[in-house]
Amino acid sequence: MLAIDPDELLLAYRLGVFPMAEHRESSGVLWIRPRERCILPLDDFHVPKRLARTVRSDHFEVRTDSVFGEVIRACAGSSPQRGETWINQAIIDVFETLHARGAAHSIETFEDGRLVGGLYGLSIGAAFFGESMFSLRADASKVALVHLAARLKAGNYALLDAQFPNPHLGQFGALTVSEREFERLLEDALPRQADFYSLGGASGPGATKLPSGPKTTGSGGGSSVLQVITQTS
């Protein structure tokens, strides 16, 4: 298995390039720079009404960076719905290294103490590069995405990259932009400062304390998360 240098990976993302393996057992990776890019605008992030009810119910316990390794391996696993994945051992290894450095993060959803969904990605400056999601229960990964969007908005992120255009993401307000437009957005976001752990608690009666800080767990605070998303800048 050919190793990926973490610093070279960070440089690649700064240039708008990311790695993908041809399949899970590939020894190397391909370096991809799409002509069209999918982004999720944080100021116009849309939560469908039915999903908002699920988020507000706090049915899932939502955690941040508590089981990164389990999340990326679950994303790498094949399933009847998506077949073979593009995440090989080299990608897992380099992202675990970057997670240890504080650059790669996961949002995790639990049901009755069991990990049932989540996502992971890479944070550089005020840009977050969403990599992959998995779900073992209906809406488990979607809830994680809503919590991610709230966390990024609260932390003054400017860009949420979703890589390839995907009809599934249209319900959240995803946009397809040209390579040149993505470069412009990336150049604006990279030098800026953002805080992945800035999301705090809401005030008022019955407010729920949200997860804040690495390796922290919490009940989720779905209503407060939705409030953050609906705030306009």
C-alpha atoms as a PDB file:
ATOM      1  CA  MET A   1       0.000   0.000   0.000  1.00  0.00           C
ATOM      2  CA  LEU A   2       1.476   3.330  -1.096  1.00  0.00           C
ATOM      3  CA  ALA A   3       1.401   5.846   1.747  1.00  0.00           C
ATOM      4  CA  ILE A   4       0.122   9.408   1.303  1.00  0.00           C
ATOM      5  CA  ASP A   5       2.185  12.155   2.907  1.00  0.00           C
ATOM      6  CA  PRO A   6      -0.100  14.280   5.157  1.00  0.00           C
ATOM      7  CA  ASP A   7       1.539  17.570   4.176  1.00  0.00           C
ATOM      8  CA  GLU A   8       1.252  16.743   0.492  1.00  0.00           C
ATOM      9  CA  LEU A   9      -2.422  15.949   1.020  1.00  0.00           C
ATOM     10  CA  LEU A  10      -3.013  19.324   2.675  1.00  0.00           C
ATOM     11  CA  LEU A  11      -1.273  21.049  -0.224  1.00  0.00           C
ATOM     12  CA  ALA A  12      -3.417  19.140  -2.708  1.00  0.00           C
ATOM     13  CA  TYR A  13      -6.621  20.288  -1.023  1.00  0.00           C
ATOM     14  CA  ARG A  14      -5.382  23.867  -1.030  1.00  0.00           C
ATOM     15  CA  LEU A  15      -5.052  23.499  -4.808  1.00  0.00           C
ATOM     16  CA  GLY A  16      -8.536  22.045  -5.166  1.00  0.00           C
ATOM     17  CA  VAL A  17      -7.335  18.455  -5.638  1.00  0.00           C
ATOM     18  CA  PHE A  18      -8.360  15.395  -3.618  1.00  0.00           C
ATOM     19  CA  PRO A  19      -7.505  11.659  -3.658  1.00  0.00           C
ATOM     20  CA  MET A  20      -9.756   8.765  -4.614  1.00  0.00           C
ATOM     21  CA  ALA A  21      -8.921   5.087  -4.968  1.00  0.00           C
ATOM     22  CA  GLU A  22     -10.351   3.050  -7.809  1.00  0.00           C
ATOM     23  CA  HIS A  23     -11.694   0.630  -5.205  1.00  0.00           C
ATOM     24  CA  ARG A  24     -11.309  -0.290  -1.541  1.00  0.00           C
ATOM     25  CA  GLU A  25      -8.370  -2.673  -2.125  1.00  0.00           C
ATOM     26  CA  SER A  26      -6.385  -0.389  -4.469  1.00  0.00           C
ATOM     27  CA  SER A  27      -2.734   0.102  -3.525  1.00  0.00           C
ATOM     28  CA  GLY A  28      -2.618   3.704  -4.788  1.00  0.00           C
ATOM     29  CA  VAL A  29      -4.914   6.664  -5.386  1.00  0.00           C
ATOM     30  CA  LEU A  30      -5.933   8.950  -8.206  1.00  0.00           C
ATOM     31  CA  TRP A  31      -5.727  12.713  -7.732  1.00  0.00           C
ATOM     32  CA  ILE A  32      -8.988  14.367  -8.791  1.00  0.00           C
ATOM     33  CA  ARG A  33      -9.799  17.950  -9.763  1.00  0.00           C
ATOM     34  CA  PRO A  34     -13.378  18.117 -11.104  1.00  0.00           C
ATOM     35  CA  ARG A  35     -14.359  20.635 -13.755  1.00  0.00           C
ATOM     36  CA  GLU A  36     -17.566  21.182 -11.791  1.00  0.00           C
ATOM     37  CA  ARG A  37     -17.742  21.222  -8.009  1.00  0.00           C
ATOM     38  CA  CYS A  38     -20.611  20.772  -5.585  1.00  0.00           C
ATOM     39  CA  ILE A  39     -20.804  23.150  -2.633  1.00  0.00           C
ATOM     40  CA  LEU A  40     -23.298  23.611   0.193  1.00  0.00           C
ATOM     41  CA  PRO A  41     -23.792  27.351   0.889  1.00  0.00           C
ATOM     42  CA  LEU A  42     -23.818  27.763   4.655  1.00  0.00           C
ATOM     43  CA  ASP A  43     -25.933  30.932   4.600  1.00  0.00           C
ATOM     44  CA  ASP A  44     -28.572  29.220   2.457  1.00  0.00           C
ATOM     45  CA  PHE A  45     -28.404  25.721   3.898  1.00  0.00           C
ATOM     46  CA  HIS A  46     -31.877  24.208   3.652  1.00  0.00           C
ATOM     47  CA  VAL A  47     -33.271  21.622   6.063  1.00  0.00           C
ATOM     48  CA  PRO A  48     -36.394  19.828   4.752  1.00  0.00           C
ATOM     49  CA  LYS A  49     -39.343  20.003   7.156  1.00  0.00           C
ATOM     50  CA  ARG A  50     -39.482  16.279   7.859  1.00  0.00           C
ATOM     51  CA  LEU A  51     -35.747  16.151   8.576  1.00  0.00           C
ATOM     52  CA  ALA A  52     -36.025  19.247  10.768  1.00  0.00           C
ATOM     53  CA  ARG A  53     -38.526  17.378  12.932  1.00  0.00           C
ATOM     54  CA  THR A  54     -36.068  14.519  13.290  1.00  0.00           C
ATOM     55  CA  VAL A  55     -33.232  16.894  14.187  1.00  0.00           C
ATOM     56  CA  ARG A  56     -35.437  18.707  16.688  1.00  0.00           C
ATOM     57  CA  SER A  57     -36.514  15.446  18.323  1.00  0.00           C
ATOM     58  CA  ASP A  58     -32.919  14.567  19.309  1.00  0.00           C
ATOM     59  CA  HIS A  59     -33.687  10.938  18.511  1.00  0.00           C
ATOM     60  CA  PHE A  60     -30.011  10.511  17.641  1.00  0.00           C
ATOM     61  CA  GLU A  61     -27.227  11.401  20.034  1.00  0.00           C
ATOM     62  CA  VAL A  62     -24.772  13.521  18.054  1.00  0.00           C
ATOM     63  CA  ARG A  63     -21.080  13.524  18.909  1.00  0.00           C
ATOM     64  CA  THR A  64     -18.026  15.198  17.454  1.00  0.00           C
ATOM     65  CA  ASP A  65     -14.618  13.553  16.964  1.00  0.00           C
ATOM     66  CA  SER A  66     -15.296  10.757  19.435  1.00  0.00           C
ATOM     67  CA  VAL A  67     -14.865   7.766  17.071  1.00  0.00           C
ATOM     68  CA  PHE A  68     -13.201   9.152  13.951  1.00  0.00           C
ATOM     69  CA  GLY A  69     -11.592   5.848  13.035  1.00  0.00           C
ATOM     70  CA  GLU A  70     -14.897   3.997  13.197  1.00  0.00           C
ATOM     71  CA  VAL A  71     -16.586   6.615  11.007  1.00  0.00           C
ATOM     72  CA  ILE A  72     -14.012   6.587   8.220  1.00  0.00           C
ATOM     73  CA  ARG A  73     -13.971   2.773   8.187  1.00  0.00           C
ATOM     74  CA  ALA A  74     -17.755   2.683   8.019  1.00  0.00           C
ATOM     75  CA  CYS A  75     -17.610   5.124   5.101  1.00  0.00           C
ATOM     76  CA  ALA A  76     -15.044   2.848   3.434  1.00  0.00           C
ATOM     77  CA  GLY A  77     -17.243  -0.215   3.739  1.00  0.00           C
ATOM     78  CA  SER A  78     -19.366  -1.410   0.843  1.00  0.00           C
ATOM     79  CA  SER A  79     -23.140  -1.699   1.052  1.00  0.00           C
ATOM     80  CA  PRO A  80     -25.993  -2.869  -1.196  1.00  0.00           C
ATOM     81  CA  GLN A  81     -27.019   0.770  -1.673  1.00  0.00           C
ATOM     82  CA  ARG A  82     -23.676   2.104  -2.903  1.00  0.00           C
ATOM     83  CA  GLY A  83     -21.540  -0.931  -3.735  1.00  0.00           C
ATOM     84  CA  GLU A  84     -17.752  -0.518  -3.683  1.00  0.00           C
ATOM     85  CA  THR A  85     -16.273   2.659  -2.216  1.00  0.00           C
ATOM     86  CA  TRP A  86     -13.267   4.792  -3.177  1.00  0.00           C
ATOM     87  CA  ILE A  87     -11.698   4.910   0.302  1.00  0.00           C
ATOM     88  CA  ASN A  88      -8.676   2.602   0.580  1.00  0.00           C
ATOM     89  CA  GLN A  89      -6.250   1.985   3.426  1.00  0.00           C
ATOM     90  CA  ALA A  90      -3.891   4.766   2.326  1.00  0.00           C
ATOM     91  CA  ILE A  91      -6.715   7.305   2.582  1.00  0.00           C
ATOM     92  CA  ILE A  92      -7.780   5.940   5.959  1.00  0.00           C
ATOM     93  CA  ASP A  93      -4.213   6.142   7.273  1.00  0.00           C
ATOM     94  CA  VAL A  94      -3.534   9.708   6.161  1.00  0.00           C
ATOM     95  CA  PHE A  95      -6.867  11.004   7.434  1.00  0.00           C
ATOM     96  CA  GLU A  96      -6.331   9.350  10.805  1.00  0.00           C
ATOM     97  CA  THR A  97      -2.963  11.119  10.969  1.00  0.00           C
ATOM     98  CA  LEU A  98      -4.609  14.427  10.123  1.00  0.00           C
ATOM     99  CA  HIS A  99      -7.330  13.765  12.687  1.00  0.00           C
ATOM    100  CA  ALA A 100      -4.617  13.332  15.320  1.00  0.00           C
ATOM    101  CA  ARG A 101      -3.252  16.717  14.199  1.00  0.00           C
ATOM    102  CA  GLY A 102      -6.693  18.309  14.620  1.00  0.00           C
ATOM    103  CA  ALA A 103      -7.277  18.890  10.887  1.00  0.00           C
ATOM    104  CA  ALA A 104      -9.724  16.072  10.086  1.00  0.00           C
ATOM    105  CA  HIS A 105     -13.035  15.756  11.901  1.00  0.00           C
ATOM    106  CA  SER A 106     -16.067  13.538  12.202  1.00  0.00           C
ATOM    107  CA  ILE A 107     -19.680  14.103  13.177  1.00  0.00           C
ATOM    108  CA  GLU A 108     -21.289  10.945  14.536  1.00  0.00           C
ATOM    109  CA  THR A 109     -24.871   9.874  15.212  1.00  0.00           C
ATOM    110  CA  PHE A 110     -25.666   7.248  17.829  1.00  0.00           C
ATOM    111  CA  GLU A 111     -28.851   5.350  18.592  1.00  0.00           C
ATOM    112  CA  ASP A 112     -29.071   3.605  21.949  1.00  0.00           C
ATOM    113  CA  GLY A 113     -25.311   3.940  22.299  1.00  0.00           C
ATOM    114  CA  ARG A 114     -24.537   2.400  18.889  1.00  0.00           C
ATOM    115  CA  LEU A 115     -22.900   4.279  16.035  1.00  0.00           C
ATOM    116  CA  VAL A 116     -25.470   4.342  13.209  1.00  0.00           C
ATOM    117  CA  GLY A 117     -24.315   7.182  10.961  1.00  0.00           C
ATOM    118  CA  GLY A 118     -21.861   9.973  10.423  1.00  0.00           C
ATOM    119  CA  LEU A 119     -19.500  11.813   8.153  1.00  0.00           C
ATOM    120  CA  TYR A 120     -15.922  12.993   8.052  1.00  0.00           C
ATOM    121  CA  GLY A 121     -13.945  15.715   6.344  1.00  0.00           C
ATOM    122  CA  LEU A 122     -10.930  18.001   6.376  1.00  0.00           C
ATOM    123  CA  SER A 123     -10.689  21.537   7.758  1.00  0.00           C
ATOM    124  CA  ILE A 124      -8.215  24.077   6.352  1.00  0.00           C
ATOM    125  CA  GLY A 125      -8.639  27.749   7.190  1.00  0.00           C
ATOM    126  CA  ALA A 126     -12.323  28.582   6.763  1.00  0.00           C
ATOM    127  CA  ALA A 127     -12.886  25.760   4.266  1.00  0.00           C
ATOM    128  CA  PHE A 128     -14.304  22.367   5.163  1.00  0.00           C
ATOM    129  CA  PHE A 129     -13.954  19.563   2.641  1.00  0.00           C
ATOM    130  CA  GLY A 130     -16.684  17.002   3.159  1.00  0.00           C
ATOM    131  CA  GLU A 131     -15.413  13.545   2.246  1.00  0.00           C
ATOM    132  CA  SER A 132     -17.959  10.812   2.850  1.00  0.00           C
ATOM    133  CA  MET A 133     -21.061   9.827   4.830  1.00  0.00           C
ATOM    134  CA  PHE A 134     -22.612   6.566   5.965  1.00  0.00           C
ATOM    135  CA  SER A 135     -25.940   5.615   7.462  1.00  0.00           C
ATOM    136  CA  LEU A 136     -27.288   2.458   9.100  1.00  0.00           C
ATOM    137  CA  ARG A 137     -30.594   4.103  10.062  1.00  0.00           C
ATOM    138  CA  ALA A 138     -32.907   6.389   8.136  1.00  0.00           C
ATOM    139  CA  ASP A 139     -31.752  10.033   8.398  1.00  0.00           C
ATOM    140  CA  ALA A 140     -28.702   9.198  10.534  1.00  0.00           C
ATOM    141  CA  SER A 141     -26.180  10.706   8.091  1.00  0.00           C
ATOM    142  CA  LYS A 142     -28.527  13.580   7.196  1.00  0.00           C
ATOM    143  CA  VAL A 143     -28.760  14.582  10.857  1.00  0.00           C
ATOM    144  CA  ALA A 144     -24.964  14.543  11.017  1.00  0.00           C
ATOM    145  CA  LEU A 145     -24.819  16.832   7.980  1.00  0.00           C
ATOM    146  CA  VAL A 146     -27.242  19.310   9.559  1.00  0.00           C
ATOM    147  CA  HIS A 147     -25.139  19.380  12.727  1.00  0.00           C
ATOM    148  CA  LEU A 148     -22.011  19.886  10.620  1.00  0.00           C
ATOM    149  CA  ALA A 149     -23.562  22.833   8.790  1.00  0.00           C
ATOM    150  CA  ALA A 150     -24.526  24.476  12.088  1.00  0.00           C
ATOM    151  CA  ARG A 151     -21.051  23.912  13.521  1.00  0.00           C
ATOM    152  CA  LEU A 152     -19.387  25.415  10.455  1.00  0.00           C
ATOM    153  CA  LYS A 153     -21.702  28.397  10.376  1.00  0.00           C
ATOM    154  CA  ALA A 154     -21.143  29.069  14.078  1.00  0.00           C
ATOM    155  CA  GLY A 155     -17.403  28.770  13.527  1.00  0.00           C
ATOM    156  CA  ASN A 156     -17.305  31.353  10.689  1.00  0.00           C
ATOM    157  CA  TYR A 157     -16.488  28.914   7.915  1.00  0.00           C
ATOM    158  CA  ALA A 158     -16.859  30.303   4.408  1.00  0.00           C
ATOM    159  CA  LEU A 159     -16.916  27.133   2.295  1.00  0.00           C
ATOM    160  CA  LEU A 160     -18.394  23.643   2.595  1.00  0.00           C
ATOM    161  CA  ASP A 161     -17.144  21.533  -0.303  1.00  0.00           C
ATOM    162  CA  ALA A 162     -19.125  18.442  -1.283  1.00  0.00           C
ATOM    163  CA  GLN A 163     -16.870  17.502  -4.217  1.00  0.00           C
ATOM    164  CA  PHE A 164     -19.080  16.058  -6.985  1.00  0.00           C
ATOM    165  CA  PRO A 165     -22.578  17.300  -7.917  1.00  0.00           C
ATOM    166  CA  ASN A 166     -25.060  14.933  -6.304  1.00  0.00           C
ATOM    167  CA  PRO A 167     -28.879  15.050  -6.654  1.00  0.00           C
ATOM    168  CA  HIS A 168     -29.159  13.708  -3.091  1.00  0.00           C
ATOM    169  CA  LEU A 169     -27.639  16.959  -1.787  1.00  0.00           C
ATOM    170  CA  GLY A 170     -30.073  19.162  -3.707  1.00  0.00           C
ATOM    171  CA  GLN A 171     -32.538  19.022  -0.805  1.00  0.00           C
ATOM    172  CA  PHE A 172     -29.976  20.916   1.300  1.00  0.00           C
ATOM    173  CA  GLY A 173     -29.507  23.713  -1.244  1.00  0.00           C
ATOM    174  CA  ALA A 174     -26.393  22.330  -2.934  1.00  0.00           C
ATOM    175  CA  LEU A 175     -25.001  24.302  -5.856  1.00  0.00           C
ATOM    176  CA  THR A 176     -22.821  23.279  -8.767  1.00  0.00           C
ATOM    177  CA  VAL A 177     -20.043  25.759  -9.539  1.00  0.00           C
ATOM    178  CA  SER A 178     -17.346  25.836 -12.189  1.00  0.00           C
ATOM    179  CA  GLU A 179     -13.744  24.980 -11.470  1.00  0.00           C
ATOM    180  CA  ARG A 180     -12.829  28.663 -11.747  1.00  0.00           C
ATOM    181  CA  GLU A 181     -15.575  29.738  -9.336  1.00  0.00           C
ATOM    182  CA  PHE A 182     -14.519  27.068  -6.861  1.00  0.00           C
ATOM    183  CA  GLU A 183     -10.929  28.334  -7.060  1.00  0.00           C
ATOM    184  CA  ARG A 184     -12.196  31.821  -6.227  1.00  0.00           C
ATOM    185  CA  LEU A 185     -14.191  30.550  -3.233  1.00  0.00           C
ATOM    186  CA  LEU A 186     -11.225  28.506  -2.056  1.00  0.00           C
ATOM    187  CA  GLU A 187      -8.812  31.434  -2.333  1.00  0.00           C
ATOM    188  CA  ASP A 188     -11.191  33.490  -0.198  1.00  0.00           C
ATOM    189  CA  ALA A 189     -11.690  30.800   2.464  1.00  0.00           C
ATOM    190  CA  LEU A 190      -8.189  29.416   2.989  1.00  0.00           C
ATOM    191  CA  PRO A 191      -6.524  32.496   4.565  1.00  0.00           C
ATOM    192  CA  ARG A 192      -9.419  33.107   6.934  1.00  0.00           C
ATOM    193  CA  GLN A 193      -9.655  31.806  10.483  1.00  0.00           C
ATOM    194  CA  ALA A 194     -12.458  29.523  11.586  1.00  0.00           C
ATOM    195  CA  ASP A 195     -13.159  27.490  14.708  1.00  0.00           C
ATOM    196  CA  PHE A 196     -14.615  24.006  14.346  1.00  0.00           C
ATOM    197  CA  TYR A 197     -15.317  23.901  18.097  1.00  0.00           C
ATOM    198  CA  SER A 198     -16.981  27.286  18.544  1.00  0.00           C
ATOM    199  CA  LEU A 199     -20.528  25.942  18.758  1.00  0.00           C
ATOM    200  CA  GLY A 200     -21.712  26.587  22.297  1.00  0.00           C
ATOM    201  CA  GLY A 201     -24.968  26.413  24.199  1.00  0.00           C
ATOM    202  CA  ALA A 202     -28.145  28.327  23.488  1.00  0.00           C
ATOM    203  CA  SER A 203     -29.655  30.623  26.061  1.00  0.00           C
ATOM    204  CA  GLY A 204     -33.187  30.647  27.386  1.00  0.00           C
ATOM    205  CA  PRO A 205     -35.513  28.247  29.208  1.00  0.00           C
ATOM    206  CA  GLY A 206     -34.990  24.627  28.298  1.00  0.00           C
ATOM    207  CA  ALA A 207     -31.882  25.332  26.237  1.00  0.00           C
ATOM    208  CA  THR A 208     -29.686  22.320  25.558  1.00  0.00           C
ATOM    209  CA  LYS A 209     -25.936  22.528  25.904  1.00  0.00           C
ATOM    210  CA  LEU A 210     -24.380  21.661  22.542  1.00  0.00           C
ATOM    211  CA  PRO A 211     -21.149  19.709  22.110  1.00  0.00           C
ATOM    212  CA  SER A 212     -18.184  22.052  22.351  1.00  0.00           C
ATOM    213  CA  GLY A 213     -14.586  20.969  22.019  1.00  0.00           C
ATOM    214  CA  PRO A 214     -12.782  17.877  20.789  1.00  0.00           C
ATOM    215  CA  LYS A 215     -13.743  14.426  22.029  1.00  0.00           C
ATOM    216  CA  THR A 216     -16.906  15.891  23.569  1.00  0.00           C
ATOM    217  CA  THR A 217     -20.285  14.200  23.420  1.00  0.00           C
ATOM    218  CA  GLY A 218     -23.717  15.630  23.925  1.00  0.00           C
ATOM    219  CA  SER A 219     -27.426  14.942  23.505  1.00  0.00           C
ATOM    220  CA  GLY A 220     -27.463  16.966  20.305  1.00  0.00           C
ATOM    221  CA  GLY A 221     -29.489  20.108  20.982  1.00  0.00           C
ATOM    222  CA  GLY A 222     -31.387  19.808  17.708  1.00  0.00           C
ATOM    223  CA  SER A 223     -33.559  22.891  18.213  1.00  0.00           C
ATOM    224  CA  SER A 224     -30.504  25.024  18.920  1.00  0.00           C
ATOM    225  CA  VAL A 225     -28.725  23.582  15.874  1.00  0.00           C
ATOM    226  CA  LEU A 226     -31.650  24.566  13.653  1.00  0.00           C
ATOM    227  CA  GLN A 227     -31.602  28.073  15.133  1.00  0.00           C
ATOM    228  CA  VAL A 228     -27.960  28.460  14.159  1.00  0.00           C
ATOM    229  CA  ILE A 229     -28.676  27.359  10.592  1.00  0.00           C
ATOM    230  CA  THR A 230     -31.594  29.749  10.135  1.00  0.00           C
ATOM    231  CA  GLN A 231     -29.652  32.766  11.351  1.00  0.00           C
ATOM    232  CA  THR A 232     -28.650  35.076   8.494  1.00  0.00           C
ATOM    233  CA  SER A 233     -25.243  36.711   8.251  1.00  0.00           C
END
